[in-house]
């Protein structure tokens, strides 16, 4: 089967590698353009491009898919199937209609829940206990097409978005190969989505990571887990930005002031919330290294009675 693969970030790499391992004919890879990254603005290539170049696959990097030459390029490649995994562009109706076997997508949620750009983060931020991967036929909507296969998995109580991302990328690769096997033998049963059950997982910005200490400890812990590795959950301490990477919940019946540091031990920082205490275990101040609290406290002080999050300008 002749396949055009469209994808960009690390999440898409296992899917592309699985297709290569299965000896499918990848006639081209479409990915996002190279972009400057970091303070030095060094030009960085998408991870999917790196794999394609390594395997000798032709790469296209259009800035958008609406240009006539892009459509003509895709038609000239005569794909049987288009596979899309975290590409970053919406396919036009004309492109979707090119391959005779359709265009399919690997999406990192149990559709119709968590359509959109950041499903892995939002399932954790929202405190879900399970998620998964769905393969579907693409249409002109945002993750609205008929579903093909699903793979469900439980979310660990302390699992971060980064850790879940890595697990789901592997599940997605396995599900993709099963899906293509079914397409080749004509064994697909399309399942329309119930749009009334749909939820949305919007793209995230840095401001999302700001901790609201008036929430309860569980909500804050979920935010911390759900924003690792990016954008990161943060607060302020004495006019300095403090990122939080690891925490636990200490149940208590006492009502503490939201954001108040109620105890500092040699290993942990106890902070009041609207319900229970959030116990901070790993932090990073602006310009500093990510450290366990016990290591940070060797040469620095965190004062009991101070309040986190008071400076909203940081």
C-alpha atoms as a PDB file:
ATOM      1  CA  UNK A   1       0.000   0.000   0.000  1.00  0.00           C
ATOM      2  CA  UNK A   2       1.367   3.402  -1.019  1.00  0.00           C
ATOM      3  CA  UNK A   3       1.168   5.779   1.940  1.00  0.00           C
ATOM      4  CA  UNK A   4       1.764   9.484   2.466  1.00  0.00           C
ATOM      5  CA  UNK A   5       2.651  10.088   6.115  1.00  0.00           C
ATOM      6  CA  UNK A   6       1.920  13.472   7.673  1.00  0.00           C
ATOM      7  CA  UNK A   7       3.290  14.208  11.128  1.00  0.00           C
ATOM      8  CA  UNK A   8       5.686  16.470  12.986  1.00  0.00           C
ATOM      9  CA  UNK A   9       6.616  15.921  16.678  1.00  0.00           C
ATOM     10  CA  UNK A  10       8.085  13.079  18.721  1.00  0.00           C
ATOM     11  CA  UNK A  11       4.610  11.609  19.241  1.00  0.00           C
ATOM     12  CA  UNK A  12       4.380  10.784  15.532  1.00  0.00           C
ATOM     13  CA  UNK A  13       7.773   9.079  15.259  1.00  0.00           C
ATOM     14  CA  UNK A  14       6.775   5.581  16.523  1.00  0.00           C
ATOM     15  CA  UNK A  15       3.896   5.540  14.019  1.00  0.00           C
ATOM     16  CA  UNK A  16       6.189   6.338  11.094  1.00  0.00           C
ATOM     17  CA  UNK A  17       8.759   3.803  12.281  1.00  0.00           C
ATOM     18  CA  UNK A  18       6.037   1.151  12.625  1.00  0.00           C
ATOM     19  CA  UNK A  19       4.946   1.703   9.017  1.00  0.00           C
ATOM     20  CA  UNK A  20       8.560   1.393   7.879  1.00  0.00           C
ATOM     21  CA  UNK A  21       9.022  -1.802   9.914  1.00  0.00           C
ATOM     22  CA  UNK A  22       5.853  -3.238   8.369  1.00  0.00           C
ATOM     23  CA  UNK A  23       7.371  -2.657   4.891  1.00  0.00           C
ATOM     24  CA  UNK A  24       4.666  -0.285   3.719  1.00  0.00           C
ATOM     25  CA  UNK A  25       5.668   1.922   0.815  1.00  0.00           C
ATOM     26  CA  UNK A  26       6.018   5.437   2.232  1.00  0.00           C
ATOM     27  CA  UNK A  27       5.989   7.561  -0.915  1.00  0.00           C
ATOM     28  CA  UNK A  28       6.485  10.834   0.982  1.00  0.00           C
ATOM     29  CA  UNK A  29       6.494  12.461   4.385  1.00  0.00           C
ATOM     30  CA  UNK A  30       4.838  15.821   4.959  1.00  0.00           C
ATOM     31  CA  UNK A  31       5.904  17.709   8.065  1.00  0.00           C
ATOM     32  CA  UNK A  32       6.035  21.240   9.455  1.00  0.00           C
ATOM     33  CA  UNK A  33       8.805  23.604   8.256  1.00  0.00           C
ATOM     34  CA  UNK A  34      12.068  23.782  10.201  1.00  0.00           C
ATOM     35  CA  UNK A  35      11.833  26.412  12.943  1.00  0.00           C
ATOM     36  CA  UNK A  36      14.197  28.465  15.140  1.00  0.00           C
ATOM     37  CA  UNK A  37      14.225  27.301  18.746  1.00  0.00           C
ATOM     38  CA  UNK A  38      15.705  28.459  22.044  1.00  0.00           C
ATOM     39  CA  UNK A  39      17.544  31.625  22.933  1.00  0.00           C
ATOM     40  CA  UNK A  40      20.060  31.131  20.163  1.00  0.00           C
ATOM     41  CA  UNK A  41      17.280  30.692  17.578  1.00  0.00           C
ATOM     42  CA  UNK A  42      19.010  27.631  16.191  1.00  0.00           C
ATOM     43  CA  UNK A  43      17.082  26.071  13.312  1.00  0.00           C
ATOM     44  CA  UNK A  44      15.635  22.734  14.414  1.00  0.00           C
ATOM     45  CA  UNK A  45      14.144  20.072  12.153  1.00  0.00           C
ATOM     46  CA  UNK A  46      10.967  18.188  13.142  1.00  0.00           C
ATOM     47  CA  UNK A  47      11.627  14.712  14.611  1.00  0.00           C
ATOM     48  CA  UNK A  48       9.563  13.093  11.845  1.00  0.00           C
ATOM     49  CA  UNK A  49      11.791  14.715   9.213  1.00  0.00           C
ATOM     50  CA  UNK A  50      14.877  13.286  10.906  1.00  0.00           C
ATOM     51  CA  UNK A  51      13.443   9.757  10.597  1.00  0.00           C
ATOM     52  CA  UNK A  52      12.403  10.291   6.987  1.00  0.00           C
ATOM     53  CA  UNK A  53      15.852  11.526   5.962  1.00  0.00           C
ATOM     54  CA  UNK A  54      17.477   8.614   7.762  1.00  0.00           C
ATOM     55  CA  UNK A  55      15.275   6.207   5.803  1.00  0.00           C
ATOM     56  CA  UNK A  56      15.684   7.975   2.470  1.00  0.00           C
ATOM     57  CA  UNK A  57      12.048   9.080   2.229  1.00  0.00           C
ATOM     58  CA  UNK A  58      11.185  12.238   0.295  1.00  0.00           C
ATOM     59  CA  UNK A  59      10.158  15.091   2.617  1.00  0.00           C
ATOM     60  CA  UNK A  60       7.815  18.007   1.908  1.00  0.00           C
ATOM     61  CA  UNK A  61       7.435  20.931   4.322  1.00  0.00           C
ATOM     62  CA  UNK A  62       4.711  23.268   3.026  1.00  0.00           C
ATOM     63  CA  UNK A  63       3.809  26.209   5.240  1.00  0.00           C
ATOM     64  CA  UNK A  64       0.155  25.435   4.501  1.00  0.00           C
ATOM     65  CA  UNK A  65      -1.822  22.873   2.541  1.00  0.00           C
ATOM     66  CA  UNK A  66      -4.100  25.246   0.646  1.00  0.00           C
ATOM     67  CA  UNK A  67      -1.681  26.090  -2.136  1.00  0.00           C
ATOM     68  CA  UNK A  68      -2.513  24.537  -5.505  1.00  0.00           C
ATOM     69  CA  UNK A  69       0.979  23.120  -5.941  1.00  0.00           C
ATOM     70  CA  UNK A  70       0.654  21.152  -2.681  1.00  0.00           C
ATOM     71  CA  UNK A  71      -2.556  19.498  -3.854  1.00  0.00           C
ATOM     72  CA  UNK A  72      -1.004  18.700  -7.213  1.00  0.00           C
ATOM     73  CA  UNK A  73       2.074  17.224  -5.514  1.00  0.00           C
ATOM     74  CA  UNK A  74      -0.110  14.930  -3.425  1.00  0.00           C
ATOM     75  CA  UNK A  75      -2.148  13.871  -6.471  1.00  0.00           C
ATOM     76  CA  UNK A  76       1.035  13.144  -8.408  1.00  0.00           C
ATOM     77  CA  UNK A  77       2.258  10.842  -5.625  1.00  0.00           C
ATOM     78  CA  UNK A  78      -0.900   8.716  -6.088  1.00  0.00           C
ATOM     79  CA  UNK A  79      -1.177   7.507  -2.485  1.00  0.00           C
ATOM     80  CA  UNK A  80      -3.543   4.685  -1.600  1.00  0.00           C
ATOM     81  CA  UNK A  81      -3.821   6.071   1.917  1.00  0.00           C
ATOM     82  CA  UNK A  82      -2.836   9.191   3.862  1.00  0.00           C
ATOM     83  CA  UNK A  83      -1.850   8.709   7.507  1.00  0.00           C
ATOM     84  CA  UNK A  84      -1.878  11.782   9.776  1.00  0.00           C
ATOM     85  CA  UNK A  85      -0.359  11.836  13.274  1.00  0.00           C
ATOM     86  CA  UNK A  86       0.003  15.173  15.098  1.00  0.00           C
ATOM     87  CA  UNK A  87       0.798  16.988  11.860  1.00  0.00           C
ATOM     88  CA  UNK A  88      -0.266  20.507  12.794  1.00  0.00           C
ATOM     89  CA  UNK A  89      -2.146  21.371   9.583  1.00  0.00           C
ATOM     90  CA  UNK A  90      -5.799  20.717   8.780  1.00  0.00           C
ATOM     91  CA  UNK A  91      -6.254  18.774   5.552  1.00  0.00           C
ATOM     92  CA  UNK A  92      -8.524  20.332   2.944  1.00  0.00           C
ATOM     93  CA  UNK A  93     -11.457  18.454   1.433  1.00  0.00           C
ATOM     94  CA  UNK A  94      -9.612  18.185  -1.885  1.00  0.00           C
ATOM     95  CA  UNK A  95      -6.643  16.474  -0.213  1.00  0.00           C
ATOM     96  CA  UNK A  96      -8.835  14.142   1.834  1.00  0.00           C
ATOM     97  CA  UNK A  97     -10.457  12.930  -1.375  1.00  0.00           C
ATOM     98  CA  UNK A  98      -7.181  12.017  -3.130  1.00  0.00           C
ATOM     99  CA  UNK A  99      -6.406   8.539  -1.682  1.00  0.00           C
ATOM    100  CA  UNK A 100      -8.876   5.770  -2.620  1.00  0.00           C
ATOM    101  CA  UNK A 101      -8.616   4.201   0.850  1.00  0.00           C
ATOM    102  CA  UNK A 102      -9.159   7.548   2.578  1.00  0.00           C
ATOM    103  CA  UNK A 103      -7.184   9.531   5.110  1.00  0.00           C
ATOM    104  CA  UNK A 104      -6.827   8.264   8.663  1.00  0.00           C
ATOM    105  CA  UNK A 105      -5.638   9.882  11.871  1.00  0.00           C
ATOM    106  CA  UNK A 106      -4.148   8.620  15.120  1.00  0.00           C
ATOM    107  CA  UNK A 107      -5.514  10.737  17.979  1.00  0.00           C
ATOM    108  CA  UNK A 108      -4.326  10.564  21.586  1.00  0.00           C
ATOM    109  CA  UNK A 109      -7.683  10.311  23.350  1.00  0.00           C
ATOM    110  CA  UNK A 110     -10.792   8.166  23.541  1.00  0.00           C
ATOM    111  CA  UNK A 111     -12.884  10.091  21.058  1.00  0.00           C
ATOM    112  CA  UNK A 112     -15.192  11.924  21.074  1.00  0.00           C
ATOM    113  CA  UNK A 113     -13.628  13.077  24.370  1.00  0.00           C
ATOM    114  CA  UNK A 114     -10.751  15.533  24.160  1.00  0.00           C
ATOM    115  CA  UNK A 115     -10.733  16.556  20.546  1.00  0.00           C
ATOM    116  CA  UNK A 116      -8.111  19.162  19.744  1.00  0.00           C
ATOM    117  CA  UNK A 117      -4.445  19.974  20.153  1.00  0.00           C
ATOM    118  CA  UNK A 118      -3.556  18.917  23.704  1.00  0.00           C
ATOM    119  CA  UNK A 119      -5.564  15.842  24.790  1.00  0.00           C
ATOM    120  CA  UNK A 120      -2.726  14.256  26.755  1.00  0.00           C
ATOM    121  CA  UNK A 121      -2.319  17.319  28.957  1.00  0.00           C
ATOM    122  CA  UNK A 122      -5.987  17.982  29.532  1.00  0.00           C
ATOM    123  CA  UNK A 123      -6.943  14.449  30.576  1.00  0.00           C
ATOM    124  CA  UNK A 124      -4.451  14.793  33.431  1.00  0.00           C
ATOM    125  CA  UNK A 125      -5.307  18.395  34.300  1.00  0.00           C
ATOM    126  CA  UNK A 126      -8.984  17.416  34.465  1.00  0.00           C
ATOM    127  CA  UNK A 127      -8.264  14.455  36.733  1.00  0.00           C
ATOM    128  CA  UNK A 128      -9.332  11.661  34.377  1.00  0.00           C
ATOM    129  CA  UNK A 129      -8.496   8.103  35.447  1.00  0.00           C
ATOM    130  CA  UNK A 130      -8.236   6.654  31.947  1.00  0.00           C
ATOM    131  CA  UNK A 131      -7.502   7.679  28.375  1.00  0.00           C
ATOM    132  CA  UNK A 132      -6.282   6.008  25.221  1.00  0.00           C
ATOM    133  CA  UNK A 133      -5.753   6.256  21.494  1.00  0.00           C
ATOM    134  CA  UNK A 134      -8.276   6.297  18.652  1.00  0.00           C
ATOM    135  CA  UNK A 135      -7.806   5.764  14.937  1.00  0.00           C
ATOM    136  CA  UNK A 136     -10.388   7.418  12.707  1.00  0.00           C
ATOM    137  CA  UNK A 137     -11.220   8.414   9.180  1.00  0.00           C
ATOM    138  CA  UNK A 138     -10.635  12.121   8.677  1.00  0.00           C
ATOM    139  CA  UNK A 139     -13.209  14.615   7.512  1.00  0.00           C
ATOM    140  CA  UNK A 140     -13.141  18.408   7.270  1.00  0.00           C
ATOM    141  CA  UNK A 141     -13.955  18.837  10.987  1.00  0.00           C
ATOM    142  CA  UNK A 142     -11.556  18.862  13.931  1.00  0.00           C
ATOM    143  CA  UNK A 143     -11.259  15.218  15.063  1.00  0.00           C
ATOM    144  CA  UNK A 144     -14.883  14.577  14.106  1.00  0.00           C
ATOM    145  CA  UNK A 145     -14.527  11.662  11.675  1.00  0.00           C
ATOM    146  CA  UNK A 146     -15.799   8.101  12.011  1.00  0.00           C
ATOM    147  CA  UNK A 147     -13.795   6.007  14.474  1.00  0.00           C
ATOM    148  CA  UNK A 148     -12.041   2.763  13.546  1.00  0.00           C
ATOM    149  CA  UNK A 149     -10.205   1.293  16.560  1.00  0.00           C
ATOM    150  CA  UNK A 150      -9.572   2.308  20.178  1.00  0.00           C
ATOM    151  CA  UNK A 151      -7.021   1.276  22.783  1.00  0.00           C
ATOM    152  CA  UNK A 152      -7.722   2.225  26.407  1.00  0.00           C
ATOM    153  CA  UNK A 153      -5.226   2.648  29.241  1.00  0.00           C
ATOM    154  CA  UNK A 154      -5.347   3.729  32.877  1.00  0.00           C
ATOM    155  CA  UNK A 155      -3.546   6.904  33.954  1.00  0.00           C
ATOM    156  CA  UNK A 156      -1.155   6.508  36.877  1.00  0.00           C
ATOM    157  CA  UNK A 157      -1.861   8.569  39.985  1.00  0.00           C
ATOM    158  CA  UNK A 158       1.496  10.341  39.671  1.00  0.00           C
ATOM    159  CA  UNK A 159       1.950  10.031  35.904  1.00  0.00           C
ATOM    160  CA  UNK A 160       2.940  13.224  34.112  1.00  0.00           C
ATOM    161  CA  UNK A 161       1.864  14.370  30.670  1.00  0.00           C
ATOM    162  CA  UNK A 162       5.356  13.624  29.392  1.00  0.00           C
ATOM    163  CA  UNK A 163       5.255  10.057  30.674  1.00  0.00           C
ATOM    164  CA  UNK A 164       1.747   9.490  29.320  1.00  0.00           C
ATOM    165  CA  UNK A 165       2.801  10.981  25.977  1.00  0.00           C
ATOM    166  CA  UNK A 166       5.514   8.349  25.629  1.00  0.00           C
ATOM    167  CA  UNK A 167       3.156   5.494  26.466  1.00  0.00           C
ATOM    168  CA  UNK A 168       0.410   6.678  24.134  1.00  0.00           C
ATOM    169  CA  UNK A 169       2.815   7.180  21.229  1.00  0.00           C
ATOM    170  CA  UNK A 170       3.691   3.475  21.447  1.00  0.00           C
ATOM    171  CA  UNK A 171       0.037   2.466  21.759  1.00  0.00           C
ATOM    172  CA  UNK A 172      -0.758   4.655  18.770  1.00  0.00           C
ATOM    173  CA  UNK A 173       1.850   2.924  16.614  1.00  0.00           C
ATOM    174  CA  UNK A 174       0.446  -0.511  17.456  1.00  0.00           C
ATOM    175  CA  UNK A 175      -3.112   0.640  16.805  1.00  0.00           C
ATOM    176  CA  UNK A 176      -2.121   2.197  13.482  1.00  0.00           C
ATOM    177  CA  UNK A 177      -0.635  -1.026  12.141  1.00  0.00           C
ATOM    178  CA  UNK A 178      -3.752  -2.969  13.208  1.00  0.00           C
ATOM    179  CA  UNK A 179      -5.936  -0.363  11.526  1.00  0.00           C
ATOM    180  CA  UNK A 180      -4.052  -0.538   8.237  1.00  0.00           C
ATOM    181  CA  UNK A 181      -4.177  -4.337   8.314  1.00  0.00           C
ATOM    182  CA  UNK A 182      -7.977  -4.102   8.551  1.00  0.00           C
ATOM    183  CA  UNK A 183      -8.160  -1.536   5.751  1.00  0.00           C
ATOM    184  CA  UNK A 184      -6.132  -3.794   3.453  1.00  0.00           C
ATOM    185  CA  UNK A 185      -8.489  -6.758   3.933  1.00  0.00           C
ATOM    186  CA  UNK A 186     -11.650  -4.667   3.907  1.00  0.00           C
ATOM    187  CA  UNK A 187     -12.460  -5.408   7.535  1.00  0.00           C
ATOM    188  CA  UNK A 188     -13.220  -1.892   8.749  1.00  0.00           C
ATOM    189  CA  UNK A 189     -16.404  -1.115  10.647  1.00  0.00           C
ATOM    190  CA  UNK A 190     -16.832   2.649  10.856  1.00  0.00           C
ATOM    191  CA  UNK A 191     -18.296   4.004  14.089  1.00  0.00           C
ATOM    192  CA  UNK A 192     -19.721   7.537  13.910  1.00  0.00           C
ATOM    193  CA  UNK A 193     -18.866   9.753  16.870  1.00  0.00           C
ATOM    194  CA  UNK A 194     -21.559  10.937  19.239  1.00  0.00           C
ATOM    195  CA  UNK A 195     -20.957  14.658  18.905  1.00  0.00           C
ATOM    196  CA  UNK A 196     -23.089  15.404  21.975  1.00  0.00           C
ATOM    197  CA  UNK A 197     -20.440  13.657  24.105  1.00  0.00           C
ATOM    198  CA  UNK A 198     -17.548  15.599  22.598  1.00  0.00           C
ATOM    199  CA  UNK A 199     -15.157  17.632  24.745  1.00  0.00           C
ATOM    200  CA  UNK A 200     -12.311  19.875  23.641  1.00  0.00           C
ATOM    201  CA  UNK A 201      -8.604  19.957  24.544  1.00  0.00           C
ATOM    202  CA  UNK A 202      -7.399  23.401  23.442  1.00  0.00           C
ATOM    203  CA  UNK A 203      -3.812  24.359  22.762  1.00  0.00           C
ATOM    204  CA  UNK A 204      -1.985  25.473  25.897  1.00  0.00           C
ATOM    205  CA  UNK A 205      -0.190  28.727  26.703  1.00  0.00           C
ATOM    206  CA  UNK A 206       2.348  29.541  29.397  1.00  0.00           C
ATOM    207  CA  UNK A 207      -0.259  31.291  31.547  1.00  0.00           C
ATOM    208  CA  UNK A 208      -2.116  27.987  31.983  1.00  0.00           C
ATOM    209  CA  UNK A 209       0.641  26.851  34.332  1.00  0.00           C
ATOM    210  CA  UNK A 210       0.056  29.582  36.931  1.00  0.00           C
ATOM    211  CA  UNK A 211      -1.167  27.892  40.117  1.00  0.00           C
ATOM    212  CA  UNK A 212      -4.373  29.117  41.707  1.00  0.00           C
ATOM    213  CA  UNK A 213      -3.983  28.259  45.382  1.00  0.00           C
ATOM    214  CA  UNK A 214      -7.715  28.725  45.983  1.00  0.00           C
ATOM    215  CA  UNK A 215      -8.223  25.400  44.198  1.00  0.00           C
ATOM    216  CA  UNK A 216      -7.961  22.167  46.165  1.00  0.00           C
ATOM    217  CA  UNK A 217      -4.725  20.202  46.451  1.00  0.00           C
ATOM    218  CA  UNK A 218      -5.852  17.517  43.988  1.00  0.00           C
ATOM    219  CA  UNK A 219      -6.609  20.061  41.270  1.00  0.00           C
ATOM    220  CA  UNK A 220      -3.240  21.722  41.754  1.00  0.00           C
ATOM    221  CA  UNK A 221      -1.376  18.420  41.689  1.00  0.00           C
ATOM    222  CA  UNK A 222      -3.174  17.511  38.463  1.00  0.00           C
ATOM    223  CA  UNK A 223      -2.107  20.837  36.947  1.00  0.00           C
ATOM    224  CA  UNK A 224       1.503  20.167  37.914  1.00  0.00           C
ATOM    225  CA  UNK A 225       1.405  16.678  36.351  1.00  0.00           C
ATOM    226  CA  UNK A 226      -0.480  17.833  33.276  1.00  0.00           C
ATOM    227  CA  UNK A 227       1.910  20.642  32.368  1.00  0.00           C
ATOM    228  CA  UNK A 228       5.124  18.594  32.508  1.00  0.00           C
ATOM    229  CA  UNK A 229       7.276  19.024  30.457  1.00  0.00           C
ATOM    230  CA  UNK A 230       5.583  22.162  29.055  1.00  0.00           C
ATOM    231  CA  UNK A 231       4.544  24.836  29.963  1.00  0.00           C
ATOM    232  CA  UNK A 232       5.189  23.816  33.579  1.00  0.00           C
ATOM    233  CA  UNK A 233       3.215  24.741  36.689  1.00  0.00           C
ATOM    234  CA  UNK A 234       4.514  27.740  38.581  1.00  0.00           C
ATOM    235  CA  UNK A 235       3.889  30.142  41.419  1.00  0.00           C
ATOM    236  CA  UNK A 236       5.867  32.966  43.040  1.00  0.00           C
ATOM    237  CA  UNK A 237       7.853  33.111  46.269  1.00  0.00           C
ATOM    238  CA  UNK A 238       9.272  36.452  47.423  1.00  0.00           C
ATOM    239  CA  UNK A 239       8.855  37.935  43.925  1.00  0.00           C
ATOM    240  CA  UNK A 240      10.634  35.041  42.238  1.00  0.00           C
ATOM    241  CA  UNK A 241       9.041  32.505  39.891  1.00  0.00           C
ATOM    242  CA  UNK A 242       9.095  28.996  41.323  1.00  0.00           C
ATOM    243  CA  UNK A 243       8.219  26.041  39.111  1.00  0.00           C
ATOM    244  CA  UNK A 244       6.903  22.914  40.799  1.00  0.00           C
ATOM    245  CA  UNK A 245       7.642  19.483  39.322  1.00  0.00           C
ATOM    246  CA  UNK A 246       6.646  17.003  41.999  1.00  0.00           C
ATOM    247  CA  UNK A 247       4.139  17.036  44.839  1.00  0.00           C
ATOM    248  CA  UNK A 248       1.861  14.936  46.958  1.00  0.00           C
ATOM    249  CA  UNK A 249      -1.352  15.531  48.887  1.00  0.00           C
ATOM    250  CA  UNK A 250      -1.576  15.600  52.686  1.00  0.00           C
ATOM    251  CA  UNK A 251      -5.156  15.229  53.839  1.00  0.00           C
ATOM    252  CA  UNK A 252      -6.245  17.473  56.707  1.00  0.00           C
ATOM    253  CA  UNK A 253      -9.454  18.777  58.304  1.00  0.00           C
ATOM    254  CA  UNK A 254      -7.845  22.113  59.160  1.00  0.00           C
ATOM    255  CA  UNK A 255      -8.682  25.097  56.951  1.00  0.00           C
ATOM    256  CA  UNK A 256      -5.466  26.872  55.995  1.00  0.00           C
ATOM    257  CA  UNK A 257      -5.050  30.102  54.056  1.00  0.00           C
ATOM    258  CA  UNK A 258      -4.693  29.405  50.334  1.00  0.00           C
ATOM    259  CA  UNK A 259      -1.036  29.609  49.332  1.00  0.00           C
ATOM    260  CA  UNK A 260       0.284  29.870  52.907  1.00  0.00           C
ATOM    261  CA  UNK A 261       3.426  27.902  53.688  1.00  0.00           C
ATOM    262  CA  UNK A 262       2.296  26.115  56.838  1.00  0.00           C
ATOM    263  CA  UNK A 263       5.341  23.907  57.361  1.00  0.00           C
ATOM    264  CA  UNK A 264       8.833  23.408  55.976  1.00  0.00           C
ATOM    265  CA  UNK A 265      10.690  20.199  56.784  1.00  0.00           C
ATOM    266  CA  UNK A 266      14.130  19.194  55.568  1.00  0.00           C
ATOM    267  CA  UNK A 267      12.507  17.442  52.587  1.00  0.00           C
ATOM    268  CA  UNK A 268       9.204  19.131  51.782  1.00  0.00           C
ATOM    269  CA  UNK A 269       7.143  22.330  51.742  1.00  0.00           C
ATOM    270  CA  UNK A 270       3.524  22.160  52.987  1.00  0.00           C
ATOM    271  CA  UNK A 271       1.153  24.671  51.396  1.00  0.00           C
ATOM    272  CA  UNK A 272      -2.469  25.483  52.175  1.00  0.00           C
ATOM    273  CA  UNK A 273      -5.188  25.110  49.530  1.00  0.00           C
ATOM    274  CA  UNK A 274      -8.986  25.182  49.622  1.00  0.00           C
ATOM    275  CA  UNK A 275      -8.932  21.514  50.641  1.00  0.00           C
ATOM    276  CA  UNK A 276      -5.988  19.585  52.067  1.00  0.00           C
ATOM    277  CA  UNK A 277      -2.305  20.489  51.852  1.00  0.00           C
ATOM    278  CA  UNK A 278      -0.136  20.353  48.770  1.00  0.00           C
ATOM    279  CA  UNK A 279       3.279  19.026  49.737  1.00  0.00           C
ATOM    280  CA  UNK A 280       5.979  20.250  47.347  1.00  0.00           C
ATOM    281  CA  UNK A 281       8.914  17.927  46.699  1.00  0.00           C
ATOM    282  CA  UNK A 282      10.750  19.246  43.627  1.00  0.00           C
ATOM    283  CA  UNK A 283      11.182  22.844  42.451  1.00  0.00           C
ATOM    284  CA  UNK A 284      13.103  25.214  40.209  1.00  0.00           C
ATOM    285  CA  UNK A 285      13.580  28.967  40.626  1.00  0.00           C
ATOM    286  CA  UNK A 286      14.168  31.228  37.629  1.00  0.00           C
ATOM    287  CA  UNK A 287      17.789  30.982  36.551  1.00  0.00           C
ATOM    288  CA  UNK A 288      18.394  27.976  38.778  1.00  0.00           C
ATOM    289  CA  UNK A 289      18.471  24.224  38.416  1.00  0.00           C
ATOM    290  CA  UNK A 290      15.614  21.811  38.934  1.00  0.00           C
ATOM    291  CA  UNK A 291      16.180  20.376  42.412  1.00  0.00           C
ATOM    292  CA  UNK A 292      14.591  18.269  45.095  1.00  0.00           C
ATOM    293  CA  UNK A 293      13.391  20.472  47.941  1.00  0.00           C
ATOM    294  CA  UNK A 294      15.772  18.719  50.330  1.00  0.00           C
ATOM    295  CA  UNK A 295      18.711  19.700  48.110  1.00  0.00           C
ATOM    296  CA  UNK A 296      17.522  23.274  47.613  1.00  0.00           C
ATOM    297  CA  UNK A 297      17.162  23.782  51.354  1.00  0.00           C
ATOM    298  CA  UNK A 298      20.795  22.891  51.976  1.00  0.00           C
ATOM    299  CA  UNK A 299      21.888  26.391  50.975  1.00  0.00           C
ATOM    300  CA  UNK A 300      18.596  28.313  50.791  1.00  0.00           C
ATOM    301  CA  UNK A 301      15.651  29.172  53.017  1.00  0.00           C
ATOM    302  CA  UNK A 302      11.924  28.783  52.476  1.00  0.00           C
ATOM    303  CA  UNK A 303      10.154  30.546  55.330  1.00  0.00           C
ATOM    304  CA  UNK A 304       7.097  29.164  57.061  1.00  0.00           C
ATOM    305  CA  UNK A 305       4.271  31.736  57.127  1.00  0.00           C
ATOM    306  CA  UNK A 306       5.105  33.257  53.748  1.00  0.00           C
ATOM    307  CA  UNK A 307       2.505  33.084  51.023  1.00  0.00           C
ATOM    308  CA  UNK A 308       2.998  31.677  47.548  1.00  0.00           C
ATOM    309  CA  UNK A 309       1.554  33.323  44.478  1.00  0.00           C
ATOM    310  CA  UNK A 310       1.173  36.858  45.809  1.00  0.00           C
ATOM    311  CA  UNK A 311       3.119  38.533  42.986  1.00  0.00           C
ATOM    312  CA  UNK A 312       0.937  38.306  39.882  1.00  0.00           C
ATOM    313  CA  UNK A 313       3.418  40.242  37.725  1.00  0.00           C
ATOM    314  CA  UNK A 314       5.980  37.419  37.637  1.00  0.00           C
END
